[in-house]
Amino acid sequence: MGLSTHVLDTMHGCPAAGMRVSLYSTSGASAELLQDLVLNHDGRTDAPLFDNASLRTGTYRLSFDVARYFKDKGVVLPEPNFLGQVSLDFGVAHADQHYHVPLLVSPWSYSTYRGS
C-alpha cells in the first residue's frame, strides 16, 4: 500500500463515512487533480490512493470537504464555516515506503500525522 488515508469524525466518535476527498499532485503553487472520491462506511478509501508500484516521490495535497460532511450530518454550522476544506500538503520522500495520512476532525479542529 503506497498511499492511504482515513478520516475519523471526533464530534460524533465515528468514521467520516461519505466525506468527499480530493488528491492532488503539487508543484509550487500549482496543483493537478489526480482523484476525487467519497470515503466508505469505515471512513477510508475502497482502494489505496496509490499502490507501491505507482507512488512517486514528490509533493501532494489531500483536500477534505469537512463543512459539507458535517452539514450533511445535520450539524448547524456558522456562516462562514470555521473549517470548510481542510487541505493537507505533504511530501513523499521514499516511494518504496507506505504513507498513511489520517485526519481526525470536528467542525472546529483537526489533527493529522504520518500513520503506519
PDB file of N, CA and C in Angstrom:
ATOM      1  N   MET A   1       0.842  -1.188   0.000  1.00  0.00           N
ATOM      2  CA  MET A   1       0.000   0.000   0.000  1.00  0.00           C
ATOM      3  C   MET A   1       0.878   1.239   0.000  1.00  0.00           C
ATOM      4  N   GLY A   2       0.933   1.963  -1.074  1.00  0.00           N
ATOM      5  CA  GLY A   2       1.786   3.120  -1.187  1.00  0.00           C
ATOM      6  C   GLY A   2       1.281   4.348  -0.455  1.00  0.00           C
ATOM      7  N   LEU A   3       0.008   4.743  -0.676  1.00  0.00           N
ATOM      8  CA  LEU A   3      -0.569   5.921  -0.035  1.00  0.00           C
ATOM      9  C   LEU A   3      -2.020   5.630   0.319  1.00  0.00           C
ATOM     10  N   SER A   4      -2.365   5.902   1.575  1.00  0.00           N
ATOM     11  CA  SER A   4      -3.737   5.697   2.028  1.00  0.00           C
ATOM     12  C   SER A   4      -4.131   6.819   2.980  1.00  0.00           C
ATOM     13  N   THR A   5      -5.433   6.919   3.238  1.00  0.00           N
ATOM     14  CA  THR A   5      -5.956   7.904   4.175  1.00  0.00           C
ATOM     15  C   THR A   5      -7.197   7.342   4.846  1.00  0.00           C
ATOM     16  N   HIS A   6      -7.549   7.910   5.953  1.00  0.00           N
ATOM     17  CA  HIS A   6      -8.853   7.672   6.568  1.00  0.00           C
ATOM     18  C   HIS A   6      -9.184   8.878   7.431  1.00  0.00           C
ATOM     19  N   VAL A   7     -10.477   9.039   7.728  1.00  0.00           N
ATOM     20  CA  VAL A   7     -10.927  10.194   8.495  1.00  0.00           C
ATOM     21  C   VAL A   7     -11.812   9.713   9.634  1.00  0.00           C
ATOM     22  N   LEU A   8     -11.542  10.241  10.827  1.00  0.00           N
ATOM     23  CA  LEU A   8     -12.371   9.993  11.994  1.00  0.00           C
ATOM     24  C   LEU A   8     -13.077  11.278  12.387  1.00  0.00           C
ATOM     25  N   ASP A   9     -14.375  11.190  12.552  1.00  0.00           N
ATOM     26  CA  ASP A   9     -15.221  12.299  12.981  1.00  0.00           C
ATOM     27  C   ASP A   9     -15.170  12.321  14.512  1.00  0.00           C
ATOM     28  N   THR A  10     -14.426  13.260  15.084  1.00  0.00           N
ATOM     29  CA  THR A  10     -14.262  13.297  16.539  1.00  0.00           C
ATOM     30  C   THR A  10     -15.451  13.950  17.237  1.00  0.00           C
ATOM     31  N   MET A  11     -16.318  14.618  16.495  1.00  0.00           N
ATOM     32  CA  MET A  11     -17.532  15.186  17.098  1.00  0.00           C
ATOM     33  C   MET A  11     -18.516  14.072  17.451  1.00  0.00           C
ATOM     34  N   HIS A  12     -18.660  13.125  16.522  1.00  0.00           N
ATOM     35  CA  HIS A  12     -19.631  12.054  16.704  1.00  0.00           C
ATOM     36  C   HIS A  12     -18.984  10.744  17.149  1.00  0.00           C
ATOM     37  N   GLY A  13     -17.656  10.685  17.154  1.00  0.00           N
ATOM     38  CA  GLY A  13     -16.963   9.473  17.568  1.00  0.00           C
ATOM     39  C   GLY A  13     -17.137   8.311  16.608  1.00  0.00           C
ATOM     40  N   CYS A  14     -17.004   8.603  15.301  1.00  0.00           N
ATOM     41  CA  CYS A  14     -17.212   7.554  14.296  1.00  0.00           C
ATOM     42  C   CYS A  14     -16.370   7.852  13.053  1.00  0.00           C
ATOM     43  N   PRO A  15     -16.253   6.863  12.158  1.00  0.00           N
ATOM     44  CA  PRO A  15     -15.596   7.137  10.872  1.00  0.00           C
ATOM     45  C   PRO A  15     -16.406   8.170  10.085  1.00  0.00           C
ATOM     46  N   ALA A  16     -15.726   8.950   9.272  1.00  0.00           N
ATOM     47  CA  ALA A  16     -16.380  10.007   8.482  1.00  0.00           C
ATOM     48  C   ALA A  16     -16.865   9.449   7.146  1.00  0.00           C
ATOM     49  N   ALA A  17     -17.788   8.499   7.228  1.00  0.00           N
ATOM     50  CA  ALA A  17     -18.351   7.881   6.026  1.00  0.00           C
ATOM     51  C   ALA A  17     -19.042   8.937   5.177  1.00  0.00           C
ATOM     52  N   GLY A  18     -18.764   8.920   3.873  1.00  0.00           N
ATOM     53  CA  GLY A  18     -19.406   9.851   2.952  1.00  0.00           C
ATOM     54  C   GLY A  18     -18.663  11.154   2.728  1.00  0.00           C
ATOM     55  N   MET A  19     -17.553  11.381   3.432  1.00  0.00           N
ATOM     56  CA  MET A  19     -16.799  12.623   3.222  1.00  0.00           C
ATOM     57  C   MET A  19     -16.127  12.599   1.852  1.00  0.00           C
ATOM     58  N   ARG A  20     -16.206  13.715   1.149  1.00  0.00           N
ATOM     59  CA  ARG A  20     -15.520  13.860  -0.144  1.00  0.00           C
ATOM     60  C   ARG A  20     -14.059  14.233   0.102  1.00  0.00           C
ATOM     61  N   VAL A  21     -13.186  13.615  -0.685  1.00  0.00           N
ATOM     62  CA  VAL A  21     -11.744  13.841  -0.580  1.00  0.00           C
ATOM     63  C   VAL A  21     -11.178  13.963  -1.990  1.00  0.00           C
ATOM     64  N   SER A  22     -10.272  14.910  -2.166  1.00  0.00           N
ATOM     65  CA  SER A  22      -9.580  15.065  -3.448  1.00  0.00           C
ATOM     66  C   SER A  22      -8.081  14.932  -3.217  1.00  0.00           C
ATOM     67  N   LEU A  23      -7.418  14.255  -4.134  1.00  0.00           N
ATOM     68  CA  LEU A  23      -5.967  14.085  -4.099  1.00  0.00           C
ATOM     69  C   LEU A  23      -5.365  14.841  -5.269  1.00  0.00           C
ATOM     70  N   TYR A  24      -4.356  15.651  -4.972  1.00  0.00           N
ATOM     71  CA  TYR A  24      -3.649  16.435  -5.982  1.00  0.00           C
ATOM     72  C   TYR A  24      -2.162  16.134  -5.923  1.00  0.00           C
ATOM     73  N   SER A  25      -1.486  16.241  -7.049  1.00  0.00           N
ATOM     74  CA  SER A  25      -0.032  16.358  -7.031  1.00  0.00           C
ATOM     75  C   SER A  25       0.248  17.854  -7.101  1.00  0.00           C
ATOM     76  N   THR A  26       1.262  18.304  -6.394  1.00  0.00           N
ATOM     77  CA  THR A  26       1.547  19.737  -6.346  1.00  0.00           C
ATOM     78  C   THR A  26       2.962  20.022  -6.805  1.00  0.00           C
ATOM     79  N   SER A  27       3.118  21.207  -7.331  1.00  0.00           N
ATOM     80  CA  SER A  27       4.425  21.703  -7.738  1.00  0.00           C
ATOM     81  C   SER A  27       4.376  23.221  -7.586  1.00  0.00           C
ATOM     82  N   GLY A  28       5.032  23.726  -6.544  1.00  0.00           N
ATOM     83  CA  GLY A  28       4.945  25.153  -6.257  1.00  0.00           C
ATOM     84  C   GLY A  28       3.510  25.520  -5.944  1.00  0.00           C
ATOM     85  N   ALA A  29       2.995  26.527  -6.650  1.00  0.00           N
ATOM     86  CA  ALA A  29       1.622  26.986  -6.414  1.00  0.00           C
ATOM     87  C   ALA A  29       0.594  26.213  -7.237  1.00  0.00           C
ATOM     88  N   SER A  30       1.032  25.371  -8.150  1.00  0.00           N
ATOM     89  CA  SER A  30       0.074  24.654  -8.995  1.00  0.00           C
ATOM     90  C   SER A  30      -0.263  23.284  -8.403  1.00  0.00           C
ATOM     91  N   ALA A  31      -1.479  22.846  -8.691  1.00  0.00           N
ATOM     92  CA  ALA A  31      -1.955  21.551  -8.211  1.00  0.00           C
ATOM     93  C   ALA A  31      -2.738  20.872  -9.326  1.00  0.00           C
ATOM     94  N   GLU A  32      -2.483  19.593  -9.521  1.00  0.00           N
ATOM     95  CA  GLU A  32      -3.181  18.806 -10.537  1.00  0.00           C
ATOM     96  C   GLU A  32      -4.035  17.759  -9.838  1.00  0.00           C
ATOM     97  N   LEU A  33      -5.329  17.791 -10.120  1.00  0.00           N
ATOM     98  CA  LEU A  33      -6.248  16.828  -9.525  1.00  0.00           C
ATOM     99  C   LEU A  33      -5.947  15.429 -10.060  1.00  0.00           C
ATOM    100  N   LEU A  34      -5.724  14.488  -9.138  1.00  0.00           N
ATOM    101  CA  LEU A  34      -5.470  13.099  -9.511  1.00  0.00           C
ATOM    102  C   LEU A  34      -6.677  12.206  -9.254  1.00  0.00           C
ATOM    103  N   GLN A  35      -7.365  12.442  -8.140  1.00  0.00           N
ATOM    104  CA  GLN A  35      -8.530  11.633  -7.781  1.00  0.00           C
ATOM    105  C   GLN A  35      -9.514  12.475  -6.987  1.00  0.00           C
ATOM    106  N   ASP A  36     -10.783  12.192  -7.176  1.00  0.00           N
ATOM    107  CA  ASP A  36     -11.857  12.802  -6.397  1.00  0.00           C
ATOM    108  C   ASP A  36     -12.736  11.637  -5.972  1.00  0.00           C
ATOM    109  N   LEU A  37     -12.925  11.450  -4.665  1.00  0.00           N
ATOM    110  CA  LEU A  37     -13.618  10.261  -4.193  1.00  0.00           C
ATOM    111  C   LEU A  37     -14.421  10.532  -2.937  1.00  0.00           C
ATOM    112  N   VAL A  38     -15.194   9.535  -2.521  1.00  0.00           N
ATOM    113  CA  VAL A  38     -16.009   9.593  -1.314  1.00  0.00           C
ATOM    114  C   VAL A  38     -15.585   8.446  -0.405  1.00  0.00           C
ATOM    115  N   LEU A  39     -15.401   8.743   0.883  1.00  0.00           N
ATOM    116  CA  LEU A  39     -14.966   7.722   1.832  1.00  0.00           C
ATOM    117  C   LEU A  39     -16.083   6.714   2.109  1.00  0.00           C
ATOM    118  N   ASN A  40     -15.692   5.469   2.331  1.00  0.00           N
ATOM    119  CA  ASN A  40     -16.652   4.389   2.562  1.00  0.00           C
ATOM    120  C   ASN A  40     -17.161   4.378   4.007  1.00  0.00           C
ATOM    121  N   HIS A  41     -17.900   3.346   4.375  1.00  0.00           N
ATOM    122  CA  HIS A  41     -18.522   3.229   5.696  1.00  0.00           C
ATOM    123  C   HIS A  41     -17.519   3.261   6.844  1.00  0.00           C
ATOM    124  N   ASP A  42     -16.262   2.923   6.544  1.00  0.00           N
ATOM    125  CA  ASP A  42     -15.214   2.902   7.563  1.00  0.00           C
ATOM    126  C   ASP A  42     -14.372   4.176   7.536  1.00  0.00           C
ATOM    127  N   GLY A  43     -14.791   5.190   6.764  1.00  0.00           N
ATOM    128  CA  GLY A  43     -14.048   6.445   6.663  1.00  0.00           C
ATOM    129  C   GLY A  43     -12.757   6.303   5.888  1.00  0.00           C
ATOM    130  N   ARG A  44     -12.690   5.293   5.029  1.00  0.00           N
ATOM    131  CA  ARG A  44     -11.480   5.004   4.244  1.00  0.00           C
ATOM    132  C   ARG A  44     -11.825   4.964   2.756  1.00  0.00           C
ATOM    133  N   THR A  45     -10.790   4.965   1.942  1.00  0.00           N
ATOM    134  CA  THR A  45     -10.984   4.756   0.517  1.00  0.00           C
ATOM    135  C   THR A  45     -11.143   3.254   0.273  1.00  0.00           C
ATOM    136  N   ASP A  46     -11.827   2.880  -0.791  1.00  0.00           N
ATOM    137  CA  ASP A  46     -12.023   1.463  -1.092  1.00  0.00           C
ATOM    138  C   ASP A  46     -10.737   0.789  -1.552  1.00  0.00           C
ATOM    139  N   ALA A  47      -9.826   1.570  -2.076  1.00  0.00           N
ATOM    140  CA  ALA A  47      -8.524   1.059  -2.534  1.00  0.00           C
ATOM    141  C   ALA A  47      -7.474   2.101  -2.164  1.00  0.00           C
ATOM    142  N   PRO A  48      -6.209   1.708  -2.113  1.00  0.00           N
ATOM    143  CA  PRO A  48      -5.168   2.711  -1.837  1.00  0.00           C
ATOM    144  C   PRO A  48      -5.213   3.839  -2.865  1.00  0.00           C
ATOM    145  N   LEU A  49      -4.845   5.034  -2.439  1.00  0.00           N
ATOM    146  CA  LEU A  49      -4.772   6.167  -3.369  1.00  0.00           C
ATOM    147  C   LEU A  49      -3.681   5.917  -4.406  1.00  0.00           C
ATOM    148  N   PHE A  50      -2.580   5.335  -3.958  1.00  0.00           N
ATOM    149  CA  PHE A  50      -1.517   4.827  -4.828  1.00  0.00           C
ATOM    150  C   PHE A  50      -1.086   3.490  -4.271  1.00  0.00           C
ATOM    151  N   ASP A  51      -0.808   2.527  -5.138  1.00  0.00           N
ATOM    152  CA  ASP A  51      -0.194   1.301  -4.661  1.00  0.00           C
ATOM    153  C   ASP A  51       1.321   1.488  -4.693  1.00  0.00           C
ATOM    154  N   ASN A  52       2.063   0.496  -4.220  1.00  0.00           N
ATOM    155  CA  ASN A  52       3.522   0.615  -4.155  1.00  0.00           C
ATOM    156  C   ASN A  52       4.143   0.879  -5.519  1.00  0.00           C
ATOM    157  N   ALA A  53       3.588   0.300  -6.557  1.00  0.00           N
ATOM    158  CA  ALA A  53       4.165   0.445  -7.896  1.00  0.00           C
ATOM    159  C   ALA A  53       3.946   1.828  -8.493  1.00  0.00           C
ATOM    160  N   SER A  54       2.875   2.527  -8.110  1.00  0.00           N
ATOM    161  CA  SER A  54       2.566   3.811  -8.753  1.00  0.00           C
ATOM    162  C   SER A  54       2.919   5.037  -7.907  1.00  0.00           C
ATOM    163  N   LEU A  55       3.212   4.866  -6.622  1.00  0.00           N
ATOM    164  CA  LEU A  55       3.597   6.012  -5.791  1.00  0.00           C
ATOM    165  C   LEU A  55       4.945   6.550  -6.234  1.00  0.00           C
ATOM    166  N   ARG A  56       5.042   7.857  -6.353  1.00  0.00           N
ATOM    167  CA  ARG A  56       6.278   8.528  -6.762  1.00  0.00           C
ATOM    168  C   ARG A  56       6.685   9.536  -5.708  1.00  0.00           C
ATOM    169  N   THR A  57       7.985   9.813  -5.613  1.00  0.00           N
ATOM    170  CA  THR A  57       8.426  10.887  -4.731  1.00  0.00           C
ATOM    171  C   THR A  57       7.853  12.200  -5.262  1.00  0.00           C
ATOM    172  N   GLY A  58       7.616  13.133  -4.354  1.00  0.00           N
ATOM    173  CA  GLY A  58       7.072  14.419  -4.757  1.00  0.00           C
ATOM    174  C   GLY A  58       6.180  14.977  -3.676  1.00  0.00           C
ATOM    175  N   THR A  59       5.451  16.023  -4.040  1.00  0.00           N
ATOM    176  CA  THR A  59       4.559  16.677  -3.086  1.00  0.00           C
ATOM    177  C   THR A  59       3.116  16.494  -3.527  1.00  0.00           C
ATOM    178  N   TYR A  60       2.263  16.347  -2.528  1.00  0.00           N
ATOM    179  CA  TYR A  60       0.855  16.041  -2.760  1.00  0.00           C
ATOM    180  C   TYR A  60      -0.017  16.858  -1.823  1.00  0.00           C
ATOM    181  N   ARG A  61      -1.315  16.881  -2.121  1.00  0.00           N
ATOM    182  CA  ARG A  61      -2.302  17.537  -1.261  1.00  0.00           C
ATOM    183  C   ARG A  61      -3.535  16.641  -1.181  1.00  0.00           C
ATOM    184  N   LEU A  62      -3.995  16.421   0.025  1.00  0.00           N
ATOM    185  CA  LEU A  62      -5.295  15.816   0.258  1.00  0.00           C
ATOM    186  C   LEU A  62      -6.216  16.923   0.742  1.00  0.00           C
ATOM    187  N   SER A  63      -7.353  17.078   0.094  1.00  0.00           N
ATOM    188  CA  SER A  63      -8.318  18.109   0.458  1.00  0.00           C
ATOM    189  C   SER A  63      -9.619  17.422   0.881  1.00  0.00           C
ATOM    190  N   PHE A  64     -10.033  17.684   2.114  1.00  0.00           N
ATOM    191  CA  PHE A  64     -11.189  17.046   2.725  1.00  0.00           C
ATOM    192  C   PHE A  64     -12.323  18.066   2.833  1.00  0.00           C
ATOM    193  N   ASP A  65     -13.520  17.717   2.355  1.00  0.00           N
ATOM    194  CA  ASP A  65     -14.660  18.633   2.384  1.00  0.00           C
ATOM    195  C   ASP A  65     -15.375  18.514   3.736  1.00  0.00           C
ATOM    196  N   VAL A  66     -14.769  19.114   4.735  1.00  0.00           N
ATOM    197  CA  VAL A  66     -15.215  18.996   6.123  1.00  0.00           C
ATOM    198  C   VAL A  66     -16.580  19.653   6.339  1.00  0.00           C
ATOM    199  N   ALA A  67     -16.755  20.876   5.885  1.00  0.00           N
ATOM    200  CA  ALA A  67     -18.026  21.587   6.118  1.00  0.00           C
ATOM    201  C   ALA A  67     -19.195  20.838   5.493  1.00  0.00           C
ATOM    202  N   ARG A  68     -19.051  20.394   4.270  1.00  0.00           N
ATOM    203  CA  ARG A  68     -20.139  19.663   3.594  1.00  0.00           C
ATOM    204  C   ARG A  68     -20.475  18.393   4.367  1.00  0.00           C
ATOM    205  N   TYR A  69     -19.456  17.677   4.819  1.00  0.00           N
ATOM    206  CA  TYR A  69     -19.683  16.447   5.586  1.00  0.00           C
ATOM    207  C   TYR A  69     -20.529  16.725   6.829  1.00  0.00           C
ATOM    208  N   PHE A  70     -20.130  17.722   7.628  1.00  0.00           N
ATOM    209  CA  PHE A  70     -20.873  18.000   8.859  1.00  0.00           C
ATOM    210  C   PHE A  70     -22.266  18.549   8.572  1.00  0.00           C
ATOM    211  N   LYS A  71     -22.425  19.362   7.536  1.00  0.00           N
ATOM    212  CA  LYS A  71     -23.763  19.836   7.158  1.00  0.00           C
ATOM    213  C   LYS A  71     -24.652  18.663   6.765  1.00  0.00           C
ATOM    214  N   ASP A  72     -24.092  17.722   5.997  1.00  0.00           N
ATOM    215  CA  ASP A  72     -24.858  16.540   5.605  1.00  0.00           C
ATOM    216  C   ASP A  72     -25.246  15.687   6.807  1.00  0.00           C
ATOM    217  N   LYS A  73     -24.483  15.766   7.897  1.00  0.00           N
ATOM    218  CA  LYS A  73     -24.800  15.043   9.137  1.00  0.00           C
ATOM    219  C   LYS A  73     -25.818  15.807   9.992  1.00  0.00           C
ATOM    220  N   GLY A  74     -26.238  16.990   9.533  1.00  0.00           N
ATOM    221  CA  GLY A  74     -27.234  17.768  10.259  1.00  0.00           C
ATOM    222  C   GLY A  74     -26.663  18.733  11.282  1.00  0.00           C
ATOM    223  N   VAL A  75     -25.359  18.926  11.280  1.00  0.00           N
ATOM    224  CA  VAL A  75     -24.730  19.865  12.212  1.00  0.00           C
ATOM    225  C   VAL A  75     -24.967  21.282  11.705  1.00  0.00           C
ATOM    226  N   VAL A  76     -25.482  22.139  12.561  1.00  0.00           N
ATOM    227  CA  VAL A  76     -25.702  23.540  12.202  1.00  0.00           C
ATOM    228  C   VAL A  76     -24.378  24.278  12.395  1.00  0.00           C
ATOM    229  N   LEU A  77     -23.854  24.785  11.309  1.00  0.00           N
ATOM    230  CA  LEU A  77     -22.562  25.476  11.331  1.00  0.00           C
ATOM    231  C   LEU A  77     -22.758  26.967  11.110  1.00  0.00           C
ATOM    232  N   PRO A  78     -21.907  27.795  11.712  1.00  0.00           N
ATOM    233  CA  PRO A  78     -21.988  29.231  11.465  1.00  0.00           C
ATOM    234  C   PRO A  78     -21.549  29.546  10.034  1.00  0.00           C
ATOM    235  N   GLU A  79     -22.005  30.665   9.528  1.00  0.00           N
ATOM    236  CA  GLU A  79     -21.557  31.136   8.203  1.00  0.00           C
ATOM    237  C   GLU A  79     -20.743  32.393   8.390  1.00  0.00           C
ATOM    238  N   PRO A  80     -19.541  32.476   7.901  1.00  0.00           N
ATOM    239  CA  PRO A  80     -18.869  31.382   7.205  1.00  0.00           C
ATOM    240  C   PRO A  80     -18.439  30.295   8.190  1.00  0.00           C
ATOM    241  N   ASN A  81     -18.237  29.100   7.643  1.00  0.00           N
ATOM    242  CA  ASN A  81     -17.793  27.968   8.456  1.00  0.00           C
ATOM    243  C   ASN A  81     -16.401  28.230   8.993  1.00  0.00           C
ATOM    244  N   PHE A  82     -16.134  27.737  10.196  1.00  0.00           N
ATOM    245  CA  PHE A  82     -14.773  27.849  10.723  1.00  0.00           C
ATOM    246  C   PHE A  82     -13.822  27.002   9.871  1.00  0.00           C
ATOM    247  N   LEU A  83     -14.205  25.753   9.604  1.00  0.00           N
ATOM    248  CA  LEU A  83     -13.443  24.895   8.685  1.00  0.00           C
ATOM    249  C   LEU A  83     -14.329  24.567   7.493  1.00  0.00           C
ATOM    250  N   GLY A  84     -13.837  24.819   6.310  1.00  0.00           N
ATOM    251  CA  GLY A  84     -14.538  24.444   5.090  1.00  0.00           C
ATOM    252  C   GLY A  84     -13.851  23.233   4.499  1.00  0.00           C
ATOM    253  N   GLN A  85     -12.843  23.496   3.711  1.00  0.00           N
ATOM    254  CA  GLN A  85     -11.964  22.463   3.185  1.00  0.00           C
ATOM    255  C   GLN A  85     -10.735  22.396   4.084  1.00  0.00           C
ATOM    256  N   VAL A  86     -10.350  21.203   4.464  1.00  0.00           N
ATOM    257  CA  VAL A  86      -9.080  21.017   5.167  1.00  0.00           C
ATOM    258  C   VAL A  86      -8.117  20.406   4.158  1.00  0.00           C
ATOM    259  N   SER A  87      -7.058  21.138   3.855  1.00  0.00           N
ATOM    260  CA  SER A  87      -6.065  20.666   2.893  1.00  0.00           C
ATOM    261  C   SER A  87      -4.767  20.345   3.615  1.00  0.00           C
ATOM    262  N   LEU A  88      -4.269  19.149   3.361  1.00  0.00           N
ATOM    263  CA  LEU A  88      -3.011  18.703   3.943  1.00  0.00           C
ATOM    264  C   LEU A  88      -1.987  18.554   2.831  1.00  0.00           C
ATOM    265  N   ASP A  89      -0.956  19.381   2.866  1.00  0.00           N
ATOM    266  CA  ASP A  89       0.140  19.284   1.912  1.00  0.00           C
ATOM    267  C   ASP A  89       1.240  18.454   2.555  1.00  0.00           C
ATOM    268  N   PHE A  90       1.732  17.470   1.835  1.00  0.00           N
ATOM    269  CA  PHE A  90       2.742  16.578   2.398  1.00  0.00           C
ATOM    270  C   PHE A  90       3.680  16.105   1.288  1.00  0.00           C
ATOM    271  N   GLY A  91       4.836  15.637   1.696  1.00  0.00           N
ATOM    272  CA  GLY A  91       5.829  15.155   0.754  1.00  0.00           C
ATOM    273  C   GLY A  91       6.074  13.674   0.909  1.00  0.00           C
ATOM    274  N   VAL A  92       6.353  13.037  -0.204  1.00  0.00           N
ATOM    275  CA  VAL A  92       6.746  11.630  -0.233  1.00  0.00           C
ATOM    276  C   VAL A  92       8.216  11.598  -0.628  1.00  0.00           C
ATOM    277  N   ALA A  93       9.055  11.287   0.330  1.00  0.00           N
ATOM    278  CA  ALA A  93      10.495  11.249   0.086  1.00  0.00           C
ATOM    279  C   ALA A  93      10.977   9.859  -0.317  1.00  0.00           C
ATOM    280  N   HIS A  94      10.236   8.839   0.092  1.00  0.00           N
ATOM    281  CA  HIS A  94      10.652   7.446  -0.157  1.00  0.00           C
ATOM    282  C   HIS A  94       9.473   6.673  -0.728  1.00  0.00           C
ATOM    283  N   ALA A  95       9.411   6.586  -2.051  1.00  0.00           N
ATOM    284  CA  ALA A  95       8.279   5.955  -2.716  1.00  0.00           C
ATOM    285  C   ALA A  95       8.168   4.466  -2.419  1.00  0.00           C
ATOM    286  N   ASP A  96       9.198   3.873  -1.863  1.00  0.00           N
ATOM    287  CA  ASP A  96       9.155   2.454  -1.531  1.00  0.00           C
ATOM    288  C   ASP A  96       8.554   2.201  -0.144  1.00  0.00           C
ATOM    289  N   GLN A  97       8.184   3.263   0.572  1.00  0.00           N
ATOM    290  CA  GLN A  97       7.582   3.130   1.892  1.00  0.00           C
ATOM    291  C   GLN A  97       6.084   3.405   1.820  1.00  0.00           C
ATOM    292  N   HIS A  98       5.373   2.975   2.851  1.00  0.00           N
ATOM    293  CA  HIS A  98       3.942   3.247   2.931  1.00  0.00           C
ATOM    294  C   HIS A  98       3.716   4.602   3.602  1.00  0.00           C
ATOM    295  N   TYR A  99       2.864   5.416   3.015  1.00  0.00           N
ATOM    296  CA  TYR A  99       2.469   6.700   3.592  1.00  0.00           C
ATOM    297  C   TYR A  99       0.979   6.635   3.889  1.00  0.00           C
ATOM    298  N   HIS A 100       0.632   6.773   5.153  1.00  0.00           N
ATOM    299  CA  HIS A 100      -0.766   6.807   5.568  1.00  0.00           C
ATOM    300  C   HIS A 100      -1.010   8.181   6.179  1.00  0.00           C
ATOM    301  N   VAL A 101      -2.021   8.904   5.656  1.00  0.00           N
ATOM    302  CA  VAL A 101      -2.293  10.272   6.084  1.00  0.00           C
ATOM    303  C   VAL A 101      -3.709  10.331   6.657  1.00  0.00           C
ATOM    304  N   PRO A 102      -3.858  10.088   7.962  1.00  0.00           N
ATOM    305  CA  PRO A 102      -5.173  10.147   8.583  1.00  0.00           C
ATOM    306  C   PRO A 102      -5.543  11.575   8.985  1.00  0.00           C
ATOM    307  N   LEU A 103      -6.842  11.793   9.133  1.00  0.00           N
ATOM    308  CA  LEU A 103      -7.358  13.074   9.596  1.00  0.00           C
ATOM    309  C   LEU A 103      -8.357  12.803  10.711  1.00  0.00           C
ATOM    310  N   LEU A 104      -8.169  13.466  11.838  1.00  0.00           N
ATOM    311  CA  LEU A 104      -9.144  13.464  12.932  1.00  0.00           C
ATOM    312  C   LEU A 104      -9.756  14.848  12.912  1.00  0.00           C
ATOM    313  N   VAL A 105     -11.097  14.943  12.825  1.00  0.00           N
ATOM    314  CA  VAL A 105     -11.697  16.240  12.539  1.00  0.00           C
ATOM    315  C   VAL A 105     -13.039  16.434  13.252  1.00  0.00           C
ATOM    316  N   SER A 106     -13.287  17.679  13.629  1.00  0.00           N
ATOM    317  CA  SER A 106     -14.584  18.157  14.096  1.00  0.00           C
ATOM    318  C   SER A 106     -14.851  19.438  13.306  1.00  0.00           C
ATOM    319  N   PRO A 107     -15.992  20.085  13.494  1.00  0.00           N
ATOM    320  CA  PRO A 107     -16.220  21.343  12.776  1.00  0.00           C
ATOM    321  C   PRO A 107     -15.272  22.466  13.201  1.00  0.00           C
ATOM    322  N   TRP A 108     -14.544  22.275  14.324  1.00  0.00           N
ATOM    323  CA  TRP A 108     -13.719  23.352  14.860  1.00  0.00           C
ATOM    324  C   TRP A 108     -12.242  23.019  15.009  1.00  0.00           C
ATOM    325  N   SER A 109     -11.855  21.785  14.698  1.00  0.00           N
ATOM    326  CA  SER A 109     -10.444  21.435  14.865  1.00  0.00           C
ATOM    327  C   SER A 109     -10.099  20.213  14.033  1.00  0.00           C
ATOM    328  N   TYR A 110      -8.798  20.047  13.777  1.00  0.00           N
ATOM    329  CA  TYR A 110      -8.331  18.828  13.120  1.00  0.00           C
ATOM    330  C   TYR A 110      -6.903  18.530  13.520  1.00  0.00           C
ATOM    331  N   SER A 111      -6.541  17.275  13.312  1.00  0.00           N
ATOM    332  CA  SER A 111      -5.194  16.803  13.618  1.00  0.00           C
ATOM    333  C   SER A 111      -4.827  15.747  12.586  1.00  0.00           C
ATOM    334  N   THR A 112      -3.558  15.672  12.278  1.00  0.00           N
ATOM    335  CA  THR A 112      -3.072  14.660  11.353  1.00  0.00           C
ATOM    336  C   THR A 112      -1.688  14.218  11.776  1.00  0.00           C
ATOM    337  N   TYR A 113      -1.206  13.173  11.165  1.00  0.00           N
ATOM    338  CA  TYR A 113       0.126  12.632  11.439  1.00  0.00           C
ATOM    339  C   TYR A 113       0.460  11.654  10.331  1.00  0.00           C
ATOM    340  N   ARG A 114       1.708  11.242  10.282  1.00  0.00           N
ATOM    341  CA  ARG A 114       2.049  10.171   9.326  1.00  0.00           C
ATOM    342  C   ARG A 114       1.811   8.855  10.049  1.00  0.00           C
ATOM    343  N   GLY A 115       0.809   8.144   9.617  1.00  0.00           N
ATOM    344  CA  GLY A 115       0.440   6.888  10.244  1.00  0.00           C
ATOM    345  C   GLY A 115       1.216   5.719   9.667  1.00  0.00           C
ATOM    346  N   SER A 116       0.876   4.567  10.155  1.00  0.00           N
ATOM    347  CA  SER A 116       1.579   3.350   9.700  1.00  0.00           C
ATOM    348  C   SER A 116       0.697   2.543   8.768  1.00  0.00           C
TER     349      SER A 116
END
